[in-house]
Amino acid sequence: MAGPYESPARTGVLVGILAISMFFAALTSALVIRQGGAADWVRFQLPSILFVNTLVLIVSSGTLELGRRRLGRDVASPSGRALLYATLGLGLVFLAGQIMAWRDLVAQGLYLATGPSSAFFYLFTVLHALHVVGGLIALAYVSVRVARGAGPSPLNAVAAAAMYWHFMLALWVYLLLVLWMRV
């Protein structure tokens, strides 16, 4: 029987993480090149909710890791399942915070088409949010599998979802740093 780190789910998530990493690296390169030759680049203050959102993702990553470990000891652990649900809730809080950030930019008069700096901000944050939605769908699926005890090992699915979710945190921190330094 394959362990949680030898599953096809893990391999699939690793391939996805590599593809997402290359995609955002290409976008970062485009941002740096566009900013370097732009007289129309306008810097603006990032919405402060983005820093709160970072804390929310850090906490959600912690709740998921605790849940994964508890479920690893006992797949029927009520506290393990509760931590999965808490992670789902925190992911939704993160998305709500992103909507608040976009509304903050609109209130500042910054739209997707206002200029290249705001366009890159929206592009980075919307694409990350879409990947977070994908992670939430995976976490919901995993939560159902754990609740039902379905499949050969729901723990493999939990481990794969946790790897993806932790990557979403790392990617967010990277994107926030890029945006903070560049826009």
N, C-alpha and C. Protein backbone atom coordinates (compact mmCIF):
# COMPACT_ATOMS: atom_id res chain seq x y z
N MET A 1 0.84 -1.18 0.00
CA MET A 1 0.00 0.00 0.00
C MET A 1 0.88 1.24 0.00
N ALA A 2 0.63 2.16 -0.91
CA ALA A 2 1.41 3.39 -1.01
C ALA A 2 1.08 4.33 0.13
N GLY A 3 2.11 4.96 0.65
CA GLY A 3 1.92 5.95 1.71
C GLY A 3 1.44 7.26 1.13
N PRO A 4 1.16 8.24 1.98
CA PRO A 4 0.63 9.52 1.50
C PRO A 4 1.58 10.27 0.58
N TYR A 5 2.87 9.92 0.63
CA TYR A 5 3.81 10.64 -0.22
C TYR A 5 4.27 9.81 -1.41
N GLU A 6 3.55 8.73 -1.71
CA GLU A 6 3.86 7.90 -2.86
C GLU A 6 2.63 7.72 -3.74
N SER A 7 1.67 8.59 -3.64
CA SER A 7 0.41 8.41 -4.34
C SER A 7 0.39 9.14 -5.68
N PRO A 8 -0.44 8.67 -6.60
CA PRO A 8 -0.63 9.38 -7.86
C PRO A 8 -1.16 10.80 -7.63
N ALA A 9 -1.96 10.99 -6.57
CA ALA A 9 -2.47 12.33 -6.26
C ALA A 9 -1.32 13.29 -5.99
N ARG A 10 -0.32 12.83 -5.25
CA ARG A 10 0.84 13.67 -4.94
C ARG A 10 1.59 14.02 -6.22
N THR A 11 1.78 13.04 -7.08
CA THR A 11 2.47 13.29 -8.34
C THR A 11 1.71 14.32 -9.17
N GLY A 12 0.40 14.17 -9.24
CA GLY A 12 -0.42 15.13 -9.99
C GLY A 12 -0.32 16.53 -9.42
N VAL A 13 -0.34 16.63 -8.10
CA VAL A 13 -0.23 17.95 -7.47
C VAL A 13 1.15 18.55 -7.73
N LEU A 14 2.19 17.74 -7.67
CA LEU A 14 3.54 18.25 -7.95
C LEU A 14 3.66 18.78 -9.38
N VAL A 15 3.08 18.06 -10.33
CA VAL A 15 3.09 18.53 -11.72
C VAL A 15 2.32 19.85 -11.82
N GLY A 16 1.17 19.93 -11.15
CA GLY A 16 0.39 21.16 -11.16
C GLY A 16 1.16 22.31 -10.53
N ILE A 17 1.83 22.06 -9.42
CA ILE A 17 2.61 23.09 -8.74
C ILE A 17 3.73 23.60 -9.65
N LEU A 18 4.39 22.69 -10.34
CA LEU A 18 5.46 23.11 -11.27
C LEU A 18 4.89 23.98 -12.39
N ALA A 19 3.76 23.59 -12.95
CA ALA A 19 3.15 24.36 -14.04
C ALA A 19 2.73 25.74 -13.54
N ILE A 20 2.10 25.79 -12.38
CA ILE A 20 1.67 27.08 -11.81
C ILE A 20 2.87 27.96 -11.51
N SER A 21 3.93 27.36 -10.98
CA SER A 21 5.15 28.12 -10.69
C SER A 21 5.74 28.73 -11.95
N MET A 22 5.80 27.95 -13.02
CA MET A 22 6.34 28.47 -14.28
C MET A 22 5.45 29.59 -14.84
N PHE A 23 4.14 29.41 -14.71
CA PHE A 23 3.20 30.43 -15.19
C PHE A 23 3.41 31.76 -14.46
N PHE A 24 3.48 31.70 -13.13
CA PHE A 24 3.64 32.94 -12.37
C PHE A 24 5.06 33.51 -12.52
N ALA A 25 6.05 32.67 -12.77
CA ALA A 25 7.40 33.18 -13.06
C ALA A 25 7.39 33.96 -14.37
N ALA A 26 6.67 33.45 -15.36
CA ALA A 26 6.56 34.16 -16.64
C ALA A 26 5.84 35.49 -16.46
N LEU A 27 4.77 35.49 -15.66
CA LEU A 27 4.06 36.75 -15.41
C LEU A 27 4.93 37.75 -14.66
N THR A 28 5.73 37.24 -13.72
CA THR A 28 6.63 38.13 -12.99
C THR A 28 7.67 38.73 -13.93
N SER A 29 8.19 37.93 -14.84
CA SER A 29 9.14 38.44 -15.84
C SER A 29 8.49 39.51 -16.70
N ALA A 30 7.26 39.27 -17.10
CA ALA A 30 6.54 40.26 -17.90
C ALA A 30 6.35 41.56 -17.12
N LEU A 31 6.03 41.45 -15.84
CA LEU A 31 5.86 42.64 -15.00
C LEU A 31 7.16 43.42 -14.93
N VAL A 32 8.26 42.76 -14.66
CA VAL A 32 9.55 43.43 -14.52
C VAL A 32 9.95 44.12 -15.83
N ILE A 33 9.78 43.42 -16.94
CA ILE A 33 10.12 43.99 -18.24
C ILE A 33 9.22 45.18 -18.56
N ARG A 34 7.93 45.02 -18.33
CA ARG A 34 6.97 46.11 -18.63
C ARG A 34 7.23 47.32 -17.76
N GLN A 35 7.53 47.10 -16.49
CA GLN A 35 7.79 48.22 -15.59
C GLN A 35 9.08 48.93 -15.98
N GLY A 36 10.08 48.17 -16.39
CA GLY A 36 11.39 48.74 -16.71
C GLY A 36 11.36 49.74 -17.85
N GLY A 37 10.52 49.52 -18.82
CA GLY A 37 10.49 50.41 -19.97
C GLY A 37 9.25 51.26 -20.04
N ALA A 38 8.65 51.56 -18.88
CA ALA A 38 7.35 52.23 -18.91
C ALA A 38 7.39 53.61 -18.27
N ALA A 39 7.05 54.59 -19.07
CA ALA A 39 6.87 55.93 -18.50
C ALA A 39 5.48 56.04 -17.88
N ASP A 40 4.59 55.10 -18.22
CA ASP A 40 3.22 55.15 -17.74
C ASP A 40 2.98 54.28 -16.50
N TRP A 41 4.05 53.79 -15.88
CA TRP A 41 3.91 52.95 -14.69
C TRP A 41 3.63 53.84 -13.49
N VAL A 42 2.50 53.61 -12.84
CA VAL A 42 2.11 54.42 -11.68
C VAL A 42 2.07 53.51 -10.45
N ARG A 43 2.88 53.83 -9.47
CA ARG A 43 2.88 53.06 -8.23
C ARG A 43 1.68 53.50 -7.39
N PHE A 44 1.13 52.56 -6.63
CA PHE A 44 0.01 52.88 -5.75
C PHE A 44 0.13 52.07 -4.47
N GLN A 45 -0.60 52.50 -3.46
CA GLN A 45 -0.58 51.82 -2.17
C GLN A 45 -1.42 50.55 -2.24
N LEU A 46 -0.82 49.45 -1.80
CA LEU A 46 -1.57 48.20 -1.76
C LEU A 46 -2.65 48.28 -0.68
N PRO A 47 -3.81 47.71 -0.93
CA PRO A 47 -4.85 47.68 0.11
C PRO A 47 -4.34 46.92 1.35
N SER A 48 -4.56 47.47 2.51
CA SER A 48 -4.05 46.86 3.75
C SER A 48 -4.68 45.50 4.03
N ILE A 49 -5.85 45.23 3.47
CA ILE A 49 -6.50 43.93 3.68
C ILE A 49 -5.63 42.79 3.15
N LEU A 50 -4.74 43.08 2.22
CA LEU A 50 -3.87 42.03 1.67
C LEU A 50 -2.98 41.43 2.76
N PHE A 51 -2.58 42.24 3.73
CA PHE A 51 -1.73 41.75 4.81
C PHE A 51 -2.55 40.92 5.80
N VAL A 52 -3.80 41.30 6.00
CA VAL A 52 -4.72 40.49 6.81
C VAL A 52 -4.95 39.16 6.10
N ASN A 53 -5.14 39.21 4.78
CA ASN A 53 -5.35 37.99 4.00
C ASN A 53 -4.16 37.04 4.12
N THR A 54 -2.97 37.61 4.18
CA THR A 54 -1.78 36.79 4.35
C THR A 54 -1.85 36.03 5.67
N LEU A 55 -2.23 36.72 6.71
CA LEU A 55 -2.38 36.07 8.02
C LEU A 55 -3.45 34.97 7.95
N VAL A 56 -4.55 35.24 7.26
CA VAL A 56 -5.62 34.24 7.12
C VAL A 56 -5.09 32.99 6.42
N LEU A 57 -4.30 33.16 5.36
CA LEU A 57 -3.76 31.99 4.66
C LEU A 57 -2.75 31.24 5.53
N ILE A 58 -1.96 31.97 6.32
CA ILE A 58 -1.01 31.31 7.21
C ILE A 58 -1.77 30.45 8.23
N VAL A 59 -2.81 31.02 8.83
CA VAL A 59 -3.60 30.27 9.81
C VAL A 59 -4.27 29.08 9.14
N SER A 60 -4.80 29.28 7.92
CA SER A 60 -5.47 28.17 7.23
C SER A 60 -4.50 27.04 6.91
N SER A 61 -3.29 27.39 6.58
CA SER A 61 -2.28 26.37 6.32
C SER A 61 -1.99 25.59 7.60
N GLY A 62 -1.96 26.31 8.72
CA GLY A 62 -1.75 25.65 10.02
C GLY A 62 -2.91 24.73 10.39
N THR A 63 -4.14 25.19 10.18
CA THR A 63 -5.29 24.34 10.53
C THR A 63 -5.31 23.09 9.65
N LEU A 64 -4.96 23.24 8.38
CA LEU A 64 -4.95 22.09 7.50
C LEU A 64 -3.86 21.10 7.91
N GLU A 65 -2.69 21.61 8.26
CA GLU A 65 -1.61 20.71 8.66
C GLU A 65 -1.97 19.98 9.95
N LEU A 66 -2.56 20.69 10.90
CA LEU A 66 -3.00 20.02 12.14
C LEU A 66 -4.06 18.96 11.83
N GLY A 67 -5.00 19.30 10.98
CA GLY A 67 -6.04 18.35 10.59
C GLY A 67 -5.46 17.13 9.89
N ARG A 68 -4.51 17.36 8.99
CA ARG A 68 -3.87 16.26 8.27
C ARG A 68 -3.17 15.31 9.25
N ARG A 69 -2.48 15.88 10.22
CA ARG A 69 -1.76 15.05 11.20
C ARG A 69 -2.73 14.27 12.09
N ARG A 70 -3.80 14.92 12.51
CA ARG A 70 -4.79 14.21 13.35
C ARG A 70 -5.47 13.09 12.57
N LEU A 71 -5.79 13.36 11.32
CA LEU A 71 -6.41 12.33 10.50
C LEU A 71 -5.43 11.21 10.20
N GLY A 72 -4.15 11.53 10.15
CA GLY A 72 -3.13 10.50 9.95
C GLY A 72 -3.05 9.52 11.11
N ARG A 73 -3.34 10.03 12.31
CA ARG A 73 -3.37 9.16 13.49
C ARG A 73 -4.68 8.39 13.59
N ASP A 74 -5.78 9.06 13.17
CA ASP A 74 -7.11 8.43 13.24
C ASP A 74 -7.98 9.06 12.16
N VAL A 75 -8.21 8.32 11.08
CA VAL A 75 -8.94 8.86 9.94
C VAL A 75 -10.37 9.26 10.29
N ALA A 76 -10.88 8.77 11.41
CA ALA A 76 -12.24 9.13 11.84
C ALA A 76 -12.22 10.26 12.88
N SER A 77 -11.08 10.90 13.06
CA SER A 77 -10.94 11.95 14.07
C SER A 77 -11.91 13.11 13.83
N PRO A 78 -12.83 13.36 14.78
CA PRO A 78 -13.74 14.50 14.62
C PRO A 78 -12.98 15.84 14.59
N SER A 79 -11.92 15.96 15.39
CA SER A 79 -11.18 17.21 15.39
C SER A 79 -10.41 17.38 14.08
N GLY A 80 -9.95 16.28 13.49
CA GLY A 80 -9.29 16.36 12.19
C GLY A 80 -10.23 16.87 11.11
N ARG A 81 -11.46 16.32 11.11
CA ARG A 81 -12.47 16.80 10.14
C ARG A 81 -12.83 18.25 10.41
N ALA A 82 -12.97 18.62 11.68
CA ALA A 82 -13.30 20.01 12.02
C ALA A 82 -12.22 20.96 11.53
N LEU A 83 -10.97 20.54 11.60
CA LEU A 83 -9.88 21.39 11.11
C LEU A 83 -9.90 21.52 9.59
N LEU A 84 -10.33 20.47 8.90
CA LEU A 84 -10.52 20.59 7.45
C LEU A 84 -11.60 21.62 7.13
N TYR A 85 -12.70 21.56 7.88
CA TYR A 85 -13.79 22.52 7.68
C TYR A 85 -13.34 23.94 8.02
N ALA A 86 -12.53 24.07 9.07
CA ALA A 86 -12.00 25.40 9.43
C ALA A 86 -11.13 25.95 8.30
N THR A 87 -10.35 25.07 7.69
CA THR A 87 -9.51 25.50 6.56
C THR A 87 -10.37 25.98 5.41
N LEU A 88 -11.44 25.25 5.13
CA LEU A 88 -12.37 25.68 4.08
C LEU A 88 -12.95 27.06 4.40
N GLY A 89 -13.36 27.26 5.63
CA GLY A 89 -13.91 28.55 6.04
C GLY A 89 -12.89 29.67 5.91
N LEU A 90 -11.67 29.41 6.31
CA LEU A 90 -10.62 30.43 6.20
C LEU A 90 -10.29 30.73 4.74
N GLY A 91 -10.37 29.72 3.89
CA GLY A 91 -10.17 29.96 2.46
C GLY A 91 -11.24 30.89 1.90
N LEU A 92 -12.47 30.71 2.36
CA LEU A 92 -13.55 31.61 1.93
C LEU A 92 -13.34 33.02 2.48
N VAL A 93 -12.83 33.12 3.70
CA VAL A 93 -12.51 34.44 4.27
C VAL A 93 -11.44 35.12 3.43
N PHE A 94 -10.43 34.36 3.01
CA PHE A 94 -9.39 34.91 2.15
C PHE A 94 -10.00 35.48 0.86
N LEU A 95 -10.88 34.71 0.22
CA LEU A 95 -11.50 35.18 -1.02
C LEU A 95 -12.33 36.44 -0.79
N ALA A 96 -13.05 36.48 0.33
CA ALA A 96 -13.82 37.69 0.66
C ALA A 96 -12.88 38.88 0.84
N GLY A 97 -11.73 38.64 1.45
CA GLY A 97 -10.74 39.70 1.61
C GLY A 97 -10.20 40.18 0.28
N GLN A 98 -10.04 39.26 -0.67
CA GLN A 98 -9.57 39.67 -2.00
C GLN A 98 -10.60 40.57 -2.68
N ILE A 99 -11.87 40.22 -2.52
CA ILE A 99 -12.93 41.06 -3.09
C ILE A 99 -12.87 42.46 -2.45
N MET A 100 -12.64 42.51 -1.15
CA MET A 100 -12.50 43.80 -0.48
C MET A 100 -11.30 44.58 -1.02
N ALA A 101 -10.20 43.90 -1.32
CA ALA A 101 -9.02 44.56 -1.88
C ALA A 101 -9.34 45.15 -3.26
N TRP A 102 -10.04 44.38 -4.07
CA TRP A 102 -10.39 44.88 -5.41
C TRP A 102 -11.33 46.08 -5.29
N ARG A 103 -12.26 46.04 -4.35
CA ARG A 103 -13.15 47.18 -4.14
C ARG A 103 -12.37 48.40 -3.66
N ASP A 104 -11.37 48.17 -2.84
CA ASP A 104 -10.51 49.26 -2.37
C ASP A 104 -9.82 49.93 -3.56
N LEU A 105 -9.32 49.14 -4.49
CA LEU A 105 -8.67 49.71 -5.67
C LEU A 105 -9.66 50.49 -6.52
N VAL A 106 -10.86 49.96 -6.67
CA VAL A 106 -11.89 50.67 -7.43
C VAL A 106 -12.19 52.02 -6.76
N ALA A 107 -12.25 52.03 -5.44
CA ALA A 107 -12.49 53.27 -4.70
C ALA A 107 -11.36 54.28 -4.93
N GLN A 108 -10.15 53.79 -5.20
CA GLN A 108 -9.02 54.66 -5.51
C GLN A 108 -9.01 55.08 -6.98
N GLY A 109 -9.96 54.57 -7.75
CA GLY A 109 -10.00 54.86 -9.18
C GLY A 109 -9.06 54.00 -10.00
N LEU A 110 -8.64 52.88 -9.45
CA LEU A 110 -7.73 51.98 -10.15
C LEU A 110 -8.49 50.74 -10.65
N TYR A 111 -8.56 50.62 -11.96
CA TYR A 111 -9.26 49.52 -12.60
C TYR A 111 -8.26 48.69 -13.40
N LEU A 112 -8.73 47.61 -13.97
CA LEU A 112 -7.87 46.76 -14.79
C LEU A 112 -7.24 47.57 -15.92
N ALA A 113 -7.99 48.44 -16.55
CA ALA A 113 -7.51 49.19 -17.71
C ALA A 113 -6.91 50.55 -17.36
N THR A 114 -6.78 50.87 -16.08
CA THR A 114 -6.24 52.17 -15.69
C THR A 114 -4.79 52.32 -16.13
N GLY A 115 -4.01 51.29 -15.98
CA GLY A 115 -2.60 51.35 -16.35
C GLY A 115 -1.96 50.00 -16.15
N PRO A 116 -0.71 49.87 -16.54
CA PRO A 116 -0.06 48.57 -16.44
C PRO A 116 0.12 48.09 -14.99
N SER A 117 0.41 48.98 -14.06
CA SER A 117 0.62 48.53 -12.69
C SER A 117 -0.66 47.97 -12.08
N SER A 118 -1.78 48.63 -12.28
CA SER A 118 -3.04 48.11 -11.74
C SER A 118 -3.46 46.84 -12.50
N ALA A 119 -3.16 46.79 -13.80
CA ALA A 119 -3.49 45.59 -14.58
C ALA A 119 -2.74 44.38 -14.04
N PHE A 120 -1.46 44.55 -13.74
CA PHE A 120 -0.69 43.44 -13.18
C PHE A 120 -1.20 43.06 -11.79
N PHE A 121 -1.59 44.05 -11.00
CA PHE A 121 -2.13 43.74 -9.67
C PHE A 121 -3.37 42.86 -9.81
N TYR A 122 -4.31 43.29 -10.65
CA TYR A 122 -5.53 42.49 -10.84
C TYR A 122 -5.20 41.12 -11.41
N LEU A 123 -4.31 41.06 -12.39
CA LEU A 123 -3.96 39.79 -13.02
C LEU A 123 -3.39 38.81 -11.99
N PHE A 124 -2.42 39.26 -11.20
CA PHE A 124 -1.81 38.38 -10.21
C PHE A 124 -2.81 37.92 -9.16
N THR A 125 -3.58 38.86 -8.62
CA THR A 125 -4.48 38.52 -7.52
C THR A 125 -5.69 37.70 -7.98
N VAL A 126 -6.21 38.00 -9.15
CA VAL A 126 -7.36 37.22 -9.65
C VAL A 126 -6.91 35.79 -10.00
N LEU A 127 -5.77 35.66 -10.65
CA LEU A 127 -5.30 34.32 -11.00
C LEU A 127 -4.99 33.51 -9.74
N HIS A 128 -4.40 34.14 -8.74
CA HIS A 128 -4.16 33.42 -7.49
C HIS A 128 -5.49 33.02 -6.85
N ALA A 129 -6.45 33.94 -6.84
CA ALA A 129 -7.76 33.63 -6.24
C ALA A 129 -8.42 32.45 -6.96
N LEU A 130 -8.29 32.39 -8.28
CA LEU A 130 -8.85 31.25 -9.02
C LEU A 130 -8.17 29.95 -8.62
N HIS A 131 -6.88 29.98 -8.39
CA HIS A 131 -6.18 28.78 -7.92
C HIS A 131 -6.60 28.42 -6.50
N VAL A 132 -6.89 29.43 -5.68
CA VAL A 132 -7.40 29.16 -4.33
C VAL A 132 -8.78 28.50 -4.43
N VAL A 133 -9.62 28.97 -5.34
CA VAL A 133 -10.93 28.34 -5.54
C VAL A 133 -10.74 26.86 -5.89
N GLY A 134 -9.78 26.57 -6.76
CA GLY A 134 -9.47 25.18 -7.08
C GLY A 134 -9.06 24.40 -5.85
N GLY A 135 -8.28 25.02 -4.98
CA GLY A 135 -7.88 24.38 -3.73
C GLY A 135 -9.06 24.14 -2.81
N LEU A 136 -9.99 25.09 -2.77
CA LEU A 136 -11.19 24.92 -1.95
C LEU A 136 -12.06 23.77 -2.46
N ILE A 137 -12.16 23.66 -3.76
CA ILE A 137 -12.92 22.54 -4.34
C ILE A 137 -12.25 21.22 -3.95
N ALA A 138 -10.93 21.18 -4.05
CA ALA A 138 -10.21 19.96 -3.67
C ALA A 138 -10.40 19.67 -2.18
N LEU A 139 -10.34 20.69 -1.34
CA LEU A 139 -10.53 20.48 0.11
C LEU A 139 -11.95 20.01 0.42
N ALA A 140 -12.93 20.54 -0.29
CA ALA A 140 -14.31 20.09 -0.08
C ALA A 140 -14.44 18.62 -0.48
N TYR A 141 -13.85 18.25 -1.61
CA TYR A 141 -13.86 16.86 -2.06
C TYR A 141 -13.19 15.95 -1.04
N VAL A 142 -12.04 16.38 -0.56
CA VAL A 142 -11.29 15.60 0.43
C VAL A 142 -12.10 15.47 1.73
N SER A 143 -12.74 16.55 2.13
CA SER A 143 -13.55 16.51 3.35
C SER A 143 -14.68 15.49 3.25
N VAL A 144 -15.30 15.43 2.09
CA VAL A 144 -16.37 14.44 1.86
C VAL A 144 -15.79 13.03 1.90
N ARG A 145 -14.64 12.83 1.25
CA ARG A 145 -14.01 11.50 1.27
C ARG A 145 -13.65 11.08 2.68
N VAL A 146 -13.13 12.01 3.47
CA VAL A 146 -12.77 11.68 4.84
C VAL A 146 -14.02 11.36 5.65
N ALA A 147 -15.07 12.17 5.50
CA ALA A 147 -16.30 11.95 6.26
C ALA A 147 -16.92 10.58 5.93
N ARG A 148 -16.82 10.18 4.66
CA ARG A 148 -17.40 8.91 4.23
C ARG A 148 -16.43 7.74 4.40
N GLY A 149 -15.14 8.08 4.62
CA GLY A 149 -14.13 7.02 4.65
C GLY A 149 -13.99 6.38 3.28
N ALA A 150 -14.31 7.16 2.22
CA ALA A 150 -14.37 6.63 0.86
C ALA A 150 -12.99 6.44 0.26
N GLY A 151 -12.91 5.49 -0.62
CA GLY A 151 -11.69 5.26 -1.38
C GLY A 151 -10.69 4.42 -0.63
N PRO A 152 -9.62 4.05 -1.32
CA PRO A 152 -8.62 3.20 -0.69
C PRO A 152 -7.94 3.90 0.48
N SER A 153 -7.67 5.15 0.35
CA SER A 153 -7.07 5.89 1.46
C SER A 153 -7.34 7.37 1.29
N PRO A 154 -8.31 7.88 2.04
CA PRO A 154 -8.56 9.31 1.95
C PRO A 154 -7.36 10.13 2.44
N LEU A 155 -6.45 9.49 3.17
CA LEU A 155 -5.27 10.21 3.66
C LEU A 155 -4.36 10.64 2.53
N ASN A 156 -4.28 9.86 1.45
CA ASN A 156 -3.50 10.27 0.29
C ASN A 156 -4.07 11.55 -0.31
N ALA A 157 -5.38 11.62 -0.38
CA ALA A 157 -6.03 12.82 -0.91
C ALA A 157 -5.81 14.01 0.02
N VAL A 158 -5.87 13.78 1.32
CA VAL A 158 -5.63 14.86 2.29
C VAL A 158 -4.21 15.38 2.14
N ALA A 159 -3.24 14.47 2.03
CA ALA A 159 -1.84 14.87 1.88
C ALA A 159 -1.63 15.68 0.60
N ALA A 160 -2.24 15.25 -0.48
CA ALA A 160 -2.09 15.97 -1.76
C ALA A 160 -2.74 17.35 -1.68
N ALA A 161 -3.93 17.43 -1.10
CA ALA A 161 -4.61 18.71 -0.96
C ALA A 161 -3.81 19.64 -0.05
N ALA A 162 -3.24 19.10 1.01
CA ALA A 162 -2.43 19.91 1.93
C ALA A 162 -1.20 20.46 1.21
N MET A 163 -0.56 19.64 0.40
CA MET A 163 0.61 20.11 -0.35
C MET A 163 0.24 21.28 -1.25
N TYR A 164 -0.88 21.15 -1.95
CA TYR A 164 -1.34 22.23 -2.84
C TYR A 164 -1.67 23.49 -2.03
N TRP A 165 -2.36 23.32 -0.90
CA TRP A 165 -2.77 24.47 -0.10
C TRP A 165 -1.55 25.20 0.47
N HIS A 166 -0.57 24.45 0.94
CA HIS A 166 0.66 25.07 1.45
C HIS A 166 1.38 25.82 0.33
N PHE A 167 1.33 25.26 -0.87
CA PHE A 167 1.91 25.96 -2.02
C PHE A 167 1.16 27.26 -2.31
N MET A 168 -0.18 27.24 -2.17
CA MET A 168 -0.94 28.47 -2.39
C MET A 168 -0.50 29.56 -1.41
N LEU A 169 -0.20 29.18 -0.18
CA LEU A 169 0.33 30.14 0.80
C LEU A 169 1.68 30.69 0.33
N ALA A 170 2.59 29.79 -0.03
CA ALA A 170 3.93 30.23 -0.46
C ALA A 170 3.82 31.13 -1.70
N LEU A 171 2.97 30.75 -2.63
CA LEU A 171 2.78 31.56 -3.84
C LEU A 171 2.23 32.93 -3.48
N TRP A 172 1.28 32.98 -2.56
CA TRP A 172 0.70 34.26 -2.15
C TRP A 172 1.75 35.17 -1.53
N VAL A 173 2.58 34.62 -0.67
CA VAL A 173 3.64 35.43 -0.04
C VAL A 173 4.58 35.97 -1.12
N TYR A 174 4.94 35.13 -2.06
CA TYR A 174 5.78 35.56 -3.18
C TYR A 174 5.10 36.69 -3.97
N LEU A 175 3.83 36.49 -4.33
CA LEU A 175 3.12 37.50 -5.12
C LEU A 175 2.98 38.81 -4.36
N LEU A 176 2.68 38.71 -3.06
CA LEU A 176 2.55 39.92 -2.26
C LEU A 176 3.86 40.69 -2.22
N LEU A 177 4.98 39.98 -2.08
CA LEU A 177 6.28 40.65 -2.08
C LEU A 177 6.57 41.31 -3.43
N VAL A 178 6.27 40.61 -4.52
CA VAL A 178 6.47 41.17 -5.85
C VAL A 178 5.63 42.43 -6.02
N LEU A 179 4.35 42.34 -5.65
CA LEU A 179 3.47 43.50 -5.79
C LEU A 179 3.91 44.64 -4.88
N TRP A 180 4.29 44.34 -3.67
CA TRP A 180 4.73 45.38 -2.73
C TRP A 180 5.98 46.10 -3.25
N MET A 181 6.90 45.35 -3.87
CA MET A 181 8.13 45.97 -4.38
C MET A 181 7.94 46.67 -5.73
N ARG A 182 6.96 46.22 -6.50
CA ARG A 182 6.86 46.68 -7.88
C ARG A 182 5.69 47.61 -8.20
N VAL A 183 4.57 47.44 -7.50
CA VAL A 183 3.44 48.32 -7.83
C VAL A 183 3.29 49.33 -6.73
